[in-house]
Amino acid sequence: MLLGTWFHEMGHGMTALFVGGDFLYLEIYENGGGIAYSDLSNSYLSQSTAAALTAAGGLLGPTIAGALLIVAAKHTRSSYIVLWVLVSVLILSLLIWIKSLVAWIVLALITAMLIIMILLKKKNATALTLLFLGTQCAFSSYLQIGYLFTKQFERGGQIQYSDTQVIASHLFGTYWMWGLLILISSIWVLYRSYRYYLSR
């Protein structure tokens, strides 16, 4: 769950960087929740567009990352390359962005296990690891399916908008419309990635 939250919050943060903003830090809580803090004031896009894309990045980021992991598992060379990339991003996030102790400890252990997996050079184990992580990433969207169709929630005694409501408020439509679009997109991406992996 914490790893799925990490992918979600990193999706927000990396999208913020992509649109020209700043990724400040992220927090992951013991209950599996989390939050990414970013500053979009320097974005080269309009504030509304940048905010909508950053919100969507947290919802689609895990699915896209999961699809890349699944596709990479098809070939030995790509498996090791993508695992090293994942480990590098994990280490970077531990050094720069993660501020919560529990998340730091858990993700440091996961990083260490992935490094051991790479050094063992077991082809089948590496492929299975990527498939497991990729599927877990993709399904993290479904594990929070209720959040996709939530307008707002309470955190620390304050009412906050969900990511889908942030998208709707900055673009158009309703939160449930964006939740449905993201859910369908995630299913399609997962299907295509596994179809590629299983192809001869």
N, C-alpha and C. Protein backbone atom coordinates (compact mmCIF):
# COMPACT_ATOMS: atom_id res chain seq x y z
N MET A 1 0.83 -1.21 0.00
CA MET A 1 0.00 0.00 0.00
C MET A 1 0.86 1.26 0.00
N LEU A 2 1.93 1.23 0.82
CA LEU A 2 2.81 2.40 0.89
C LEU A 2 3.53 2.63 -0.44
N LEU A 3 3.89 1.53 -1.10
CA LEU A 3 4.55 1.68 -2.40
C LEU A 3 3.58 2.26 -3.43
N GLY A 4 2.33 1.80 -3.39
CA GLY A 4 1.31 2.36 -4.29
C GLY A 4 1.10 3.84 -4.03
N THR A 5 1.09 4.22 -2.75
CA THR A 5 0.96 5.64 -2.41
C THR A 5 2.16 6.42 -2.89
N TRP A 6 3.35 5.81 -2.79
CA TRP A 6 4.57 6.48 -3.28
C TRP A 6 4.46 6.77 -4.77
N PHE A 7 4.02 5.79 -5.56
CA PHE A 7 3.84 6.01 -6.99
C PHE A 7 2.81 7.12 -7.25
N HIS A 8 1.74 7.13 -6.47
CA HIS A 8 0.70 8.15 -6.64
C HIS A 8 1.25 9.55 -6.36
N GLU A 9 1.91 9.70 -5.22
CA GLU A 9 2.42 11.02 -4.84
C GLU A 9 3.59 11.45 -5.73
N MET A 10 4.42 10.50 -6.14
CA MET A 10 5.50 10.83 -7.08
C MET A 10 4.92 11.24 -8.42
N GLY A 11 3.77 10.66 -8.80
CA GLY A 11 3.10 11.08 -10.02
C GLY A 11 2.71 12.54 -9.97
N HIS A 12 2.19 12.97 -8.82
CA HIS A 12 1.89 14.40 -8.63
C HIS A 12 3.16 15.24 -8.75
N GLY A 13 4.19 14.83 -8.01
CA GLY A 13 5.40 15.63 -7.95
C GLY A 13 6.14 15.71 -9.27
N MET A 14 6.27 14.58 -9.97
CA MET A 14 6.98 14.58 -11.25
C MET A 14 6.21 15.35 -12.31
N THR A 15 4.88 15.29 -12.25
CA THR A 15 4.07 16.09 -13.18
C THR A 15 4.25 17.57 -12.92
N ALA A 16 4.33 17.93 -11.63
CA ALA A 16 4.58 19.34 -11.29
C ALA A 16 5.89 19.82 -11.89
N LEU A 17 6.92 18.98 -11.83
CA LEU A 17 8.21 19.32 -12.45
C LEU A 17 8.07 19.41 -13.97
N PHE A 18 7.31 18.50 -14.54
CA PHE A 18 7.12 18.44 -15.99
C PHE A 18 6.46 19.70 -16.54
N VAL A 19 5.55 20.27 -15.78
CA VAL A 19 4.85 21.48 -16.25
C VAL A 19 5.60 22.76 -15.85
N GLY A 20 6.80 22.61 -15.30
CA GLY A 20 7.62 23.77 -14.99
C GLY A 20 7.53 24.26 -13.56
N GLY A 21 6.81 23.52 -12.70
CA GLY A 21 6.70 23.92 -11.31
C GLY A 21 7.80 23.31 -10.46
N ASP A 22 7.62 23.36 -9.16
CA ASP A 22 8.60 22.80 -8.22
C ASP A 22 7.93 21.70 -7.39
N PHE A 23 8.64 20.59 -7.25
CA PHE A 23 8.21 19.49 -6.39
C PHE A 23 8.91 19.69 -5.05
N LEU A 24 8.16 20.06 -4.02
CA LEU A 24 8.77 20.41 -2.75
C LEU A 24 9.09 19.17 -1.91
N TYR A 25 8.09 18.41 -1.52
CA TYR A 25 8.31 17.17 -0.77
C TYR A 25 7.00 16.40 -0.71
N LEU A 26 7.10 15.16 -0.22
CA LEU A 26 5.89 14.35 -0.06
C LEU A 26 5.88 13.70 1.30
N GLU A 27 4.68 13.39 1.76
CA GLU A 27 4.50 12.69 3.02
C GLU A 27 3.63 11.47 2.77
N ILE A 28 3.97 10.36 3.42
CA ILE A 28 3.16 9.14 3.36
C ILE A 28 2.85 8.74 4.79
N TYR A 29 1.59 8.45 5.06
CA TYR A 29 1.17 8.15 6.42
C TYR A 29 1.03 6.65 6.65
N GLU A 30 0.99 6.26 7.92
CA GLU A 30 0.92 4.84 8.28
C GLU A 30 -0.34 4.17 7.75
N ASN A 31 -1.42 4.93 7.59
CA ASN A 31 -2.67 4.34 7.10
C ASN A 31 -2.69 4.18 5.59
N GLY A 32 -1.59 4.53 4.92
CA GLY A 32 -1.52 4.37 3.47
C GLY A 32 -1.82 5.63 2.69
N GLY A 33 -2.28 6.67 3.37
CA GLY A 33 -2.55 7.93 2.70
C GLY A 33 -1.27 8.73 2.50
N GLY A 34 -1.37 9.79 1.74
CA GLY A 34 -0.19 10.61 1.51
C GLY A 34 -0.56 11.93 0.86
N ILE A 35 0.43 12.80 0.73
CA ILE A 35 0.22 14.09 0.08
C ILE A 35 1.55 14.57 -0.49
N ALA A 36 1.49 15.15 -1.68
CA ALA A 36 2.67 15.73 -2.32
C ALA A 36 2.49 17.24 -2.36
N TYR A 37 3.52 17.97 -1.97
CA TYR A 37 3.48 19.42 -1.96
C TYR A 37 4.28 19.95 -3.15
N SER A 38 3.66 20.82 -3.90
CA SER A 38 4.33 21.39 -5.08
C SER A 38 3.99 22.88 -5.19
N ASP A 39 4.80 23.58 -5.95
CA ASP A 39 4.61 25.00 -6.21
C ASP A 39 4.53 25.19 -7.72
N LEU A 40 3.38 25.62 -8.21
CA LEU A 40 3.15 25.75 -9.64
C LEU A 40 3.21 27.20 -10.11
N SER A 41 3.68 28.08 -9.25
CA SER A 41 3.68 29.51 -9.60
C SER A 41 4.62 29.82 -10.77
N ASN A 42 5.64 28.99 -10.99
CA ASN A 42 6.59 29.23 -12.08
C ASN A 42 6.30 28.40 -13.33
N SER A 43 5.14 27.76 -13.35
CA SER A 43 4.79 26.89 -14.48
C SER A 43 4.67 27.71 -15.77
N TYR A 44 5.10 27.10 -16.89
CA TYR A 44 4.96 27.76 -18.19
C TYR A 44 3.55 27.62 -18.75
N LEU A 45 2.68 26.87 -18.05
CA LEU A 45 1.28 26.75 -18.43
C LEU A 45 0.45 27.66 -17.53
N SER A 46 -0.81 27.81 -17.88
CA SER A 46 -1.71 28.57 -17.01
C SER A 46 -1.86 27.82 -15.69
N GLN A 47 -2.19 28.53 -14.64
CA GLN A 47 -2.32 27.91 -13.33
C GLN A 47 -3.38 26.82 -13.32
N SER A 48 -4.47 27.05 -14.02
CA SER A 48 -5.55 26.05 -14.07
C SER A 48 -5.10 24.77 -14.76
N THR A 49 -4.43 24.93 -15.91
CA THR A 49 -3.97 23.76 -16.66
C THR A 49 -2.91 23.00 -15.87
N ALA A 50 -1.97 23.74 -15.27
CA ALA A 50 -0.90 23.10 -14.49
C ALA A 50 -1.47 22.35 -13.29
N ALA A 51 -2.44 22.94 -12.60
CA ALA A 51 -3.05 22.29 -11.44
C ALA A 51 -3.82 21.03 -11.84
N ALA A 52 -4.54 21.12 -12.96
CA ALA A 52 -5.31 19.96 -13.43
C ALA A 52 -4.39 18.81 -13.83
N LEU A 53 -3.31 19.14 -14.56
CA LEU A 53 -2.37 18.10 -14.99
C LEU A 53 -1.65 17.47 -13.80
N THR A 54 -1.28 18.29 -12.82
CA THR A 54 -0.60 17.77 -11.64
C THR A 54 -1.51 16.84 -10.85
N ALA A 55 -2.79 17.21 -10.76
CA ALA A 55 -3.75 16.34 -10.08
C ALA A 55 -3.92 15.02 -10.83
N ALA A 56 -4.00 15.11 -12.16
CA ALA A 56 -4.16 13.90 -12.97
C ALA A 56 -2.92 13.02 -12.92
N GLY A 57 -1.74 13.64 -12.76
CA GLY A 57 -0.49 12.89 -12.70
C GLY A 57 -0.46 11.88 -11.57
N GLY A 58 -1.07 12.22 -10.45
CA GLY A 58 -1.10 11.29 -9.34
C GLY A 58 -2.02 10.10 -9.58
N LEU A 59 -3.03 10.30 -10.41
CA LEU A 59 -3.98 9.23 -10.70
C LEU A 59 -3.51 8.34 -11.85
N LEU A 60 -2.89 8.95 -12.86
CA LEU A 60 -2.44 8.18 -14.02
C LEU A 60 -0.98 7.74 -13.89
N GLY A 61 -0.21 8.41 -13.04
CA GLY A 61 1.20 8.07 -12.88
C GLY A 61 1.44 6.61 -12.52
N PRO A 62 0.74 6.07 -11.50
CA PRO A 62 0.95 4.66 -11.15
C PRO A 62 0.62 3.71 -12.30
N THR A 63 -0.42 4.00 -13.06
CA THR A 63 -0.80 3.14 -14.17
C THR A 63 0.26 3.16 -15.26
N ILE A 64 0.74 4.35 -15.60
CA ILE A 64 1.78 4.47 -16.64
C ILE A 64 3.06 3.78 -16.19
N ALA A 65 3.46 4.02 -14.93
CA ALA A 65 4.66 3.37 -14.40
C ALA A 65 4.50 1.86 -14.39
N GLY A 66 3.32 1.40 -13.98
CA GLY A 66 3.06 -0.04 -13.95
C GLY A 66 3.14 -0.66 -15.33
N ALA A 67 2.59 0.03 -16.32
CA ALA A 67 2.64 -0.48 -17.70
C ALA A 67 4.07 -0.58 -18.19
N LEU A 68 4.89 0.41 -17.88
CA LEU A 68 6.30 0.39 -18.29
C LEU A 68 7.04 -0.78 -17.63
N LEU A 69 6.75 -1.06 -16.37
CA LEU A 69 7.39 -2.18 -15.68
C LEU A 69 6.98 -3.51 -16.31
N ILE A 70 5.70 -3.65 -16.63
CA ILE A 70 5.21 -4.90 -17.23
C ILE A 70 5.82 -5.11 -18.61
N VAL A 71 5.85 -4.05 -19.42
CA VAL A 71 6.43 -4.15 -20.77
C VAL A 71 7.92 -4.49 -20.69
N ALA A 72 8.63 -3.88 -19.73
CA ALA A 72 10.07 -4.12 -19.59
C ALA A 72 10.38 -5.55 -19.18
N ALA A 73 9.43 -6.20 -18.51
CA ALA A 73 9.66 -7.56 -18.03
C ALA A 73 9.78 -8.57 -19.18
N LYS A 74 9.42 -8.20 -20.38
CA LYS A 74 9.44 -9.12 -21.51
C LYS A 74 10.86 -9.51 -21.91
N HIS A 75 11.82 -8.61 -21.74
CA HIS A 75 13.20 -8.88 -22.17
C HIS A 75 14.16 -8.68 -21.01
N THR A 76 15.19 -9.51 -20.96
CA THR A 76 16.14 -9.48 -19.85
C THR A 76 16.84 -8.13 -19.73
N ARG A 77 17.34 -7.61 -20.83
CA ARG A 77 18.09 -6.35 -20.79
C ARG A 77 17.21 -5.20 -20.30
N SER A 78 16.01 -5.08 -20.86
CA SER A 78 15.11 -4.00 -20.44
C SER A 78 14.69 -4.17 -18.99
N SER A 79 14.60 -5.42 -18.52
CA SER A 79 14.23 -5.66 -17.12
C SER A 79 15.24 -5.03 -16.17
N TYR A 80 16.53 -5.29 -16.44
CA TYR A 80 17.58 -4.75 -15.57
C TYR A 80 17.67 -3.23 -15.68
N ILE A 81 17.50 -2.71 -16.89
CA ILE A 81 17.57 -1.25 -17.07
C ILE A 81 16.47 -0.56 -16.28
N VAL A 82 15.25 -1.06 -16.43
CA VAL A 82 14.10 -0.43 -15.77
C VAL A 82 14.18 -0.59 -14.25
N LEU A 83 14.68 -1.74 -13.79
CA LEU A 83 14.85 -1.91 -12.34
C LEU A 83 15.86 -0.91 -11.78
N TRP A 84 16.96 -0.68 -12.51
CA TRP A 84 17.94 0.30 -12.06
C TRP A 84 17.34 1.71 -12.06
N VAL A 85 16.53 2.01 -13.07
CA VAL A 85 15.86 3.32 -13.11
C VAL A 85 14.94 3.48 -11.90
N LEU A 86 14.17 2.42 -11.61
CA LEU A 86 13.26 2.47 -10.47
C LEU A 86 14.03 2.66 -9.17
N VAL A 87 15.12 1.92 -9.00
CA VAL A 87 15.94 2.05 -7.80
C VAL A 87 16.52 3.47 -7.70
N SER A 88 16.96 4.01 -8.82
CA SER A 88 17.52 5.37 -8.83
C SER A 88 16.49 6.40 -8.40
N VAL A 89 15.26 6.26 -8.91
CA VAL A 89 14.20 7.21 -8.54
C VAL A 89 13.84 7.06 -7.07
N LEU A 90 13.81 5.80 -6.58
CA LEU A 90 13.54 5.57 -5.16
C LEU A 90 14.60 6.24 -4.29
N ILE A 91 15.87 6.06 -4.65
CA ILE A 91 16.96 6.67 -3.87
C ILE A 91 16.86 8.20 -3.92
N LEU A 92 16.57 8.72 -5.10
CA LEU A 92 16.43 10.17 -5.26
C LEU A 92 15.30 10.72 -4.38
N SER A 93 14.19 10.00 -4.35
CA SER A 93 13.05 10.45 -3.54
C SER A 93 13.38 10.37 -2.05
N LEU A 94 14.13 9.33 -1.66
CA LEU A 94 14.53 9.20 -0.25
C LEU A 94 15.44 10.36 0.17
N LEU A 95 16.31 10.76 -0.72
CA LEU A 95 17.27 11.82 -0.39
C LEU A 95 16.67 13.22 -0.45
N ILE A 96 15.68 13.41 -1.33
CA ILE A 96 15.19 14.77 -1.58
C ILE A 96 13.77 15.03 -1.07
N TRP A 97 12.82 14.12 -1.37
CA TRP A 97 11.42 14.48 -1.22
C TRP A 97 10.67 13.85 -0.05
N ILE A 98 11.07 12.68 0.39
CA ILE A 98 10.30 11.99 1.43
C ILE A 98 10.66 12.54 2.81
N LYS A 99 9.65 13.00 3.53
CA LYS A 99 9.87 13.64 4.82
C LYS A 99 9.29 12.84 5.99
N SER A 100 8.52 11.78 5.71
CA SER A 100 7.92 11.00 6.80
C SER A 100 8.77 9.78 7.11
N LEU A 101 9.02 9.53 8.40
CA LEU A 101 9.96 8.49 8.84
C LEU A 101 9.51 7.09 8.43
N VAL A 102 8.22 6.78 8.65
CA VAL A 102 7.71 5.44 8.33
C VAL A 102 7.91 5.13 6.85
N ALA A 103 7.54 6.08 6.01
CA ALA A 103 7.70 5.88 4.57
C ALA A 103 9.16 5.73 4.20
N TRP A 104 10.03 6.51 4.85
CA TRP A 104 11.46 6.45 4.54
C TRP A 104 12.01 5.05 4.85
N ILE A 105 11.63 4.51 6.00
CA ILE A 105 12.13 3.19 6.41
C ILE A 105 11.63 2.10 5.47
N VAL A 106 10.32 2.11 5.20
CA VAL A 106 9.73 1.07 4.36
C VAL A 106 10.29 1.12 2.94
N LEU A 107 10.36 2.32 2.37
CA LEU A 107 10.85 2.45 1.00
C LEU A 107 12.36 2.18 0.91
N ALA A 108 13.10 2.47 1.98
CA ALA A 108 14.53 2.13 2.01
C ALA A 108 14.71 0.62 1.98
N LEU A 109 13.87 -0.11 2.71
CA LEU A 109 13.93 -1.57 2.71
C LEU A 109 13.58 -2.13 1.32
N ILE A 110 12.54 -1.57 0.70
CA ILE A 110 12.15 -2.01 -0.65
C ILE A 110 13.29 -1.74 -1.63
N THR A 111 13.92 -0.58 -1.52
CA THR A 111 15.05 -0.24 -2.39
C THR A 111 16.18 -1.23 -2.21
N ALA A 112 16.49 -1.57 -0.97
CA ALA A 112 17.56 -2.53 -0.69
C ALA A 112 17.24 -3.90 -1.29
N MET A 113 16.00 -4.34 -1.17
CA MET A 113 15.60 -5.63 -1.73
C MET A 113 15.70 -5.63 -3.26
N LEU A 114 15.34 -4.52 -3.88
CA LEU A 114 15.44 -4.44 -5.34
C LEU A 114 16.90 -4.46 -5.80
N ILE A 115 17.78 -3.80 -5.04
CA ILE A 115 19.20 -3.83 -5.38
C ILE A 115 19.75 -5.25 -5.29
N ILE A 116 19.35 -5.96 -4.22
CA ILE A 116 19.77 -7.37 -4.08
C ILE A 116 19.26 -8.20 -5.25
N MET A 117 18.02 -7.96 -5.65
CA MET A 117 17.43 -8.68 -6.77
C MET A 117 18.23 -8.45 -8.06
N ILE A 118 18.66 -7.22 -8.27
CA ILE A 118 19.45 -6.90 -9.47
C ILE A 118 20.80 -7.60 -9.42
N LEU A 119 21.45 -7.56 -8.26
CA LEU A 119 22.79 -8.13 -8.13
C LEU A 119 22.78 -9.66 -8.24
N LEU A 120 21.67 -10.29 -7.88
CA LEU A 120 21.57 -11.75 -7.99
C LEU A 120 21.51 -12.20 -9.45
N LYS A 121 21.03 -11.32 -10.33
CA LYS A 121 20.96 -11.59 -11.76
C LYS A 121 20.19 -12.88 -12.08
N LYS A 122 19.07 -13.06 -11.42
CA LYS A 122 18.18 -14.18 -11.71
C LYS A 122 17.12 -13.70 -12.68
N LYS A 123 17.20 -14.14 -13.94
CA LYS A 123 16.34 -13.60 -14.98
C LYS A 123 14.86 -13.76 -14.66
N ASN A 124 14.43 -14.96 -14.28
CA ASN A 124 13.01 -15.20 -14.02
C ASN A 124 12.52 -14.41 -12.81
N ALA A 125 13.37 -14.34 -11.78
CA ALA A 125 12.98 -13.59 -10.58
C ALA A 125 12.85 -12.11 -10.88
N THR A 126 13.73 -11.60 -11.74
CA THR A 126 13.67 -10.19 -12.11
C THR A 126 12.38 -9.89 -12.87
N ALA A 127 12.04 -10.77 -13.82
CA ALA A 127 10.81 -10.58 -14.60
C ALA A 127 9.58 -10.64 -13.70
N LEU A 128 9.55 -11.61 -12.77
CA LEU A 128 8.41 -11.74 -11.86
C LEU A 128 8.30 -10.53 -10.94
N THR A 129 9.46 -10.01 -10.52
CA THR A 129 9.46 -8.80 -9.67
C THR A 129 8.84 -7.62 -10.40
N LEU A 130 9.24 -7.44 -11.67
CA LEU A 130 8.70 -6.35 -12.47
C LEU A 130 7.20 -6.53 -12.70
N LEU A 131 6.79 -7.76 -12.99
CA LEU A 131 5.36 -8.02 -13.20
C LEU A 131 4.56 -7.75 -11.92
N PHE A 132 5.10 -8.17 -10.79
CA PHE A 132 4.43 -7.93 -9.52
C PHE A 132 4.31 -6.44 -9.23
N LEU A 133 5.44 -5.73 -9.36
CA LEU A 133 5.44 -4.29 -9.08
C LEU A 133 4.56 -3.54 -10.07
N GLY A 134 4.64 -3.92 -11.36
CA GLY A 134 3.84 -3.26 -12.38
C GLY A 134 2.35 -3.44 -12.15
N THR A 135 1.96 -4.68 -11.84
CA THR A 135 0.54 -4.95 -11.57
C THR A 135 0.08 -4.24 -10.31
N GLN A 136 0.94 -4.23 -9.30
CA GLN A 136 0.60 -3.54 -8.05
C GLN A 136 0.41 -2.05 -8.29
N CYS A 137 1.28 -1.47 -9.12
CA CYS A 137 1.16 -0.04 -9.46
C CYS A 137 -0.18 0.23 -10.14
N ALA A 138 -0.46 -0.59 -11.16
CA ALA A 138 -1.68 -0.38 -11.94
C ALA A 138 -2.92 -0.56 -11.08
N PHE A 139 -2.89 -1.58 -10.22
CA PHE A 139 -4.06 -1.86 -9.39
C PHE A 139 -4.20 -0.90 -8.21
N SER A 140 -3.18 -0.11 -7.95
CA SER A 140 -3.30 0.86 -6.87
C SER A 140 -4.43 1.85 -7.17
N SER A 141 -4.69 2.07 -8.47
CA SER A 141 -5.81 2.95 -8.87
C SER A 141 -7.14 2.32 -8.50
N TYR A 142 -7.22 0.98 -8.64
CA TYR A 142 -8.47 0.30 -8.35
C TYR A 142 -8.67 0.13 -6.85
N LEU A 143 -7.56 0.02 -6.11
CA LEU A 143 -7.67 -0.08 -4.66
C LEU A 143 -8.23 1.21 -4.06
N GLN A 144 -8.05 2.32 -4.77
CA GLN A 144 -8.59 3.60 -4.31
C GLN A 144 -9.73 4.06 -5.21
N ILE A 145 -10.50 3.08 -5.73
CA ILE A 145 -11.56 3.43 -6.69
C ILE A 145 -12.59 4.36 -6.05
N GLY A 146 -12.80 4.20 -4.74
CA GLY A 146 -13.72 5.10 -4.07
C GLY A 146 -13.24 6.54 -4.12
N TYR A 147 -11.91 6.72 -4.06
CA TYR A 147 -11.33 8.07 -4.11
C TYR A 147 -11.55 8.71 -5.48
N LEU A 148 -11.52 7.90 -6.54
CA LEU A 148 -11.74 8.43 -7.88
C LEU A 148 -13.11 9.09 -8.00
N PHE A 149 -14.08 8.55 -7.27
CA PHE A 149 -15.46 9.05 -7.36
C PHE A 149 -15.87 9.79 -6.09
N THR A 150 -14.89 10.44 -5.48
CA THR A 150 -15.14 11.26 -4.30
C THR A 150 -14.88 12.72 -4.63
N LYS A 151 -15.79 13.57 -4.21
CA LYS A 151 -15.63 15.00 -4.48
C LYS A 151 -14.69 15.66 -3.48
N GLN A 152 -14.84 15.33 -2.21
CA GLN A 152 -14.03 15.94 -1.17
C GLN A 152 -13.90 14.99 0.00
N PHE A 153 -12.93 15.28 0.86
CA PHE A 153 -12.70 14.44 2.03
C PHE A 153 -12.13 15.30 3.14
N GLU A 154 -12.07 14.73 4.33
CA GLU A 154 -11.57 15.47 5.49
C GLU A 154 -10.18 14.95 5.87
N ARG A 155 -9.24 15.86 6.06
CA ARG A 155 -7.90 15.50 6.52
C ARG A 155 -7.44 16.54 7.53
N GLY A 156 -7.12 16.09 8.71
CA GLY A 156 -6.66 17.01 9.76
C GLY A 156 -7.70 18.04 10.13
N GLY A 157 -8.98 17.64 10.06
CA GLY A 157 -10.06 18.56 10.42
C GLY A 157 -10.42 19.56 9.33
N GLN A 158 -9.79 19.44 8.16
CA GLN A 158 -10.07 20.35 7.06
C GLN A 158 -10.64 19.59 5.86
N ILE A 159 -11.58 20.22 5.19
CA ILE A 159 -12.17 19.63 3.98
C ILE A 159 -11.28 19.94 2.79
N GLN A 160 -10.91 18.89 2.04
CA GLN A 160 -10.06 19.06 0.87
C GLN A 160 -10.71 18.40 -0.33
N TYR A 161 -10.44 18.97 -1.51
CA TYR A 161 -10.97 18.39 -2.75
C TYR A 161 -10.14 17.18 -3.16
N SER A 162 -10.83 16.21 -3.76
CA SER A 162 -10.13 15.06 -4.32
C SER A 162 -9.43 15.48 -5.61
N ASP A 163 -8.55 14.61 -6.13
CA ASP A 163 -7.83 14.93 -7.37
C ASP A 163 -8.79 15.09 -8.55
N THR A 164 -9.82 14.25 -8.61
CA THR A 164 -10.76 14.35 -9.72
C THR A 164 -11.57 15.65 -9.65
N GLN A 165 -11.88 16.09 -8.44
CA GLN A 165 -12.59 17.35 -8.30
C GLN A 165 -11.69 18.53 -8.66
N VAL A 166 -10.38 18.42 -8.33
CA VAL A 166 -9.43 19.47 -8.71
C VAL A 166 -9.37 19.59 -10.23
N ILE A 167 -9.34 18.45 -10.92
CA ILE A 167 -9.32 18.47 -12.39
C ILE A 167 -10.58 19.14 -12.92
N ALA A 168 -11.74 18.73 -12.39
CA ALA A 168 -13.01 19.27 -12.86
C ALA A 168 -13.12 20.77 -12.59
N SER A 169 -12.65 21.21 -11.44
CA SER A 169 -12.78 22.63 -11.09
C SER A 169 -11.86 23.50 -11.94
N HIS A 170 -10.76 22.95 -12.43
CA HIS A 170 -9.83 23.73 -13.23
C HIS A 170 -10.06 23.58 -14.74
N LEU A 171 -10.75 22.52 -15.13
CA LEU A 171 -11.03 22.33 -16.56
C LEU A 171 -12.53 22.40 -16.81
N PHE A 172 -13.19 21.28 -16.84
CA PHE A 172 -14.63 21.23 -17.09
C PHE A 172 -15.15 19.89 -16.60
N GLY A 173 -16.46 19.73 -16.60
CA GLY A 173 -17.07 18.46 -16.23
C GLY A 173 -17.21 18.30 -14.73
N THR A 174 -17.44 17.05 -14.33
CA THR A 174 -17.64 16.72 -12.92
C THR A 174 -16.57 15.74 -12.45
N TYR A 175 -16.45 15.61 -11.15
CA TYR A 175 -15.43 14.71 -10.59
C TYR A 175 -15.67 13.26 -11.00
N TRP A 176 -16.96 12.85 -11.03
CA TRP A 176 -17.23 11.45 -11.38
C TRP A 176 -16.96 11.18 -12.86
N MET A 177 -17.12 12.21 -13.72
CA MET A 177 -16.79 12.05 -15.13
C MET A 177 -15.30 11.80 -15.30
N TRP A 178 -14.47 12.58 -14.61
CA TRP A 178 -13.02 12.40 -14.70
C TRP A 178 -12.60 11.10 -14.04
N GLY A 179 -13.27 10.73 -12.96
CA GLY A 179 -12.98 9.45 -12.32
C GLY A 179 -13.23 8.28 -13.27
N LEU A 180 -14.34 8.35 -14.01
CA LEU A 180 -14.67 7.29 -14.96
C LEU A 180 -13.67 7.26 -16.11
N LEU A 181 -13.30 8.42 -16.63
CA LEU A 181 -12.32 8.48 -17.73
C LEU A 181 -10.97 7.92 -17.30
N ILE A 182 -10.53 8.26 -16.10
CA ILE A 182 -9.24 7.77 -15.61
C ILE A 182 -9.29 6.26 -15.36
N LEU A 183 -10.42 5.77 -14.84
CA LEU A 183 -10.57 4.34 -14.60
C LEU A 183 -10.52 3.56 -15.91
N ILE A 184 -11.25 4.02 -16.93
CA ILE A 184 -11.27 3.36 -18.23
C ILE A 184 -9.88 3.40 -18.87
N SER A 185 -9.23 4.55 -18.78
CA SER A 185 -7.87 4.69 -19.33
C SER A 185 -6.91 3.73 -18.65
N SER A 186 -7.02 3.60 -17.33
CA SER A 186 -6.12 2.71 -16.58
C SER A 186 -6.32 1.26 -16.99
N ILE A 187 -7.58 0.86 -17.15
CA ILE A 187 -7.87 -0.52 -17.57
C ILE A 187 -7.30 -0.78 -18.95
N TRP A 188 -7.46 0.17 -19.86
CA TRP A 188 -6.96 0.00 -21.23
C TRP A 188 -5.44 -0.10 -21.26
N VAL A 189 -4.76 0.77 -20.49
CA VAL A 189 -3.29 0.74 -20.45
C VAL A 189 -2.79 -0.58 -19.87
N LEU A 190 -3.43 -1.07 -18.79
CA LEU A 190 -3.04 -2.34 -18.19
C LEU A 190 -3.25 -3.49 -19.16
N TYR A 191 -4.37 -3.47 -19.87
CA TYR A 191 -4.66 -4.51 -20.86
C TYR A 191 -3.62 -4.52 -21.97
N ARG A 192 -3.28 -3.34 -22.50
CA ARG A 192 -2.31 -3.27 -23.59
C ARG A 192 -0.92 -3.70 -23.16
N SER A 193 -0.54 -3.37 -21.94
CA SER A 193 0.79 -3.74 -21.47
C SER A 193 0.90 -5.25 -21.30
N TYR A 194 -0.12 -5.88 -20.72
CA TYR A 194 -0.08 -7.33 -20.57
C TYR A 194 -0.22 -8.03 -21.92
N ARG A 195 -0.96 -7.46 -22.82
CA ARG A 195 -1.07 -8.04 -24.15
C ARG A 195 0.29 -8.05 -24.84
N TYR A 196 1.03 -6.96 -24.67
CA TYR A 196 2.38 -6.91 -25.26
C TYR A 196 3.29 -7.93 -24.59
N TYR A 197 3.22 -8.01 -23.25
CA TYR A 197 4.10 -8.94 -22.54
C TYR A 197 3.82 -10.39 -22.93
N LEU A 198 2.57 -10.74 -23.14
CA LEU A 198 2.19 -12.12 -23.44
C LEU A 198 2.28 -12.46 -24.93
N SER A 199 2.52 -11.45 -25.77
CA SER A 199 2.61 -11.71 -27.21
C SER A 199 3.85 -12.52 -27.52
N ARG A 200 3.81 -13.29 -28.58
CA ARG A 200 4.94 -14.15 -28.96
C ARG A 200 6.03 -13.32 -29.61
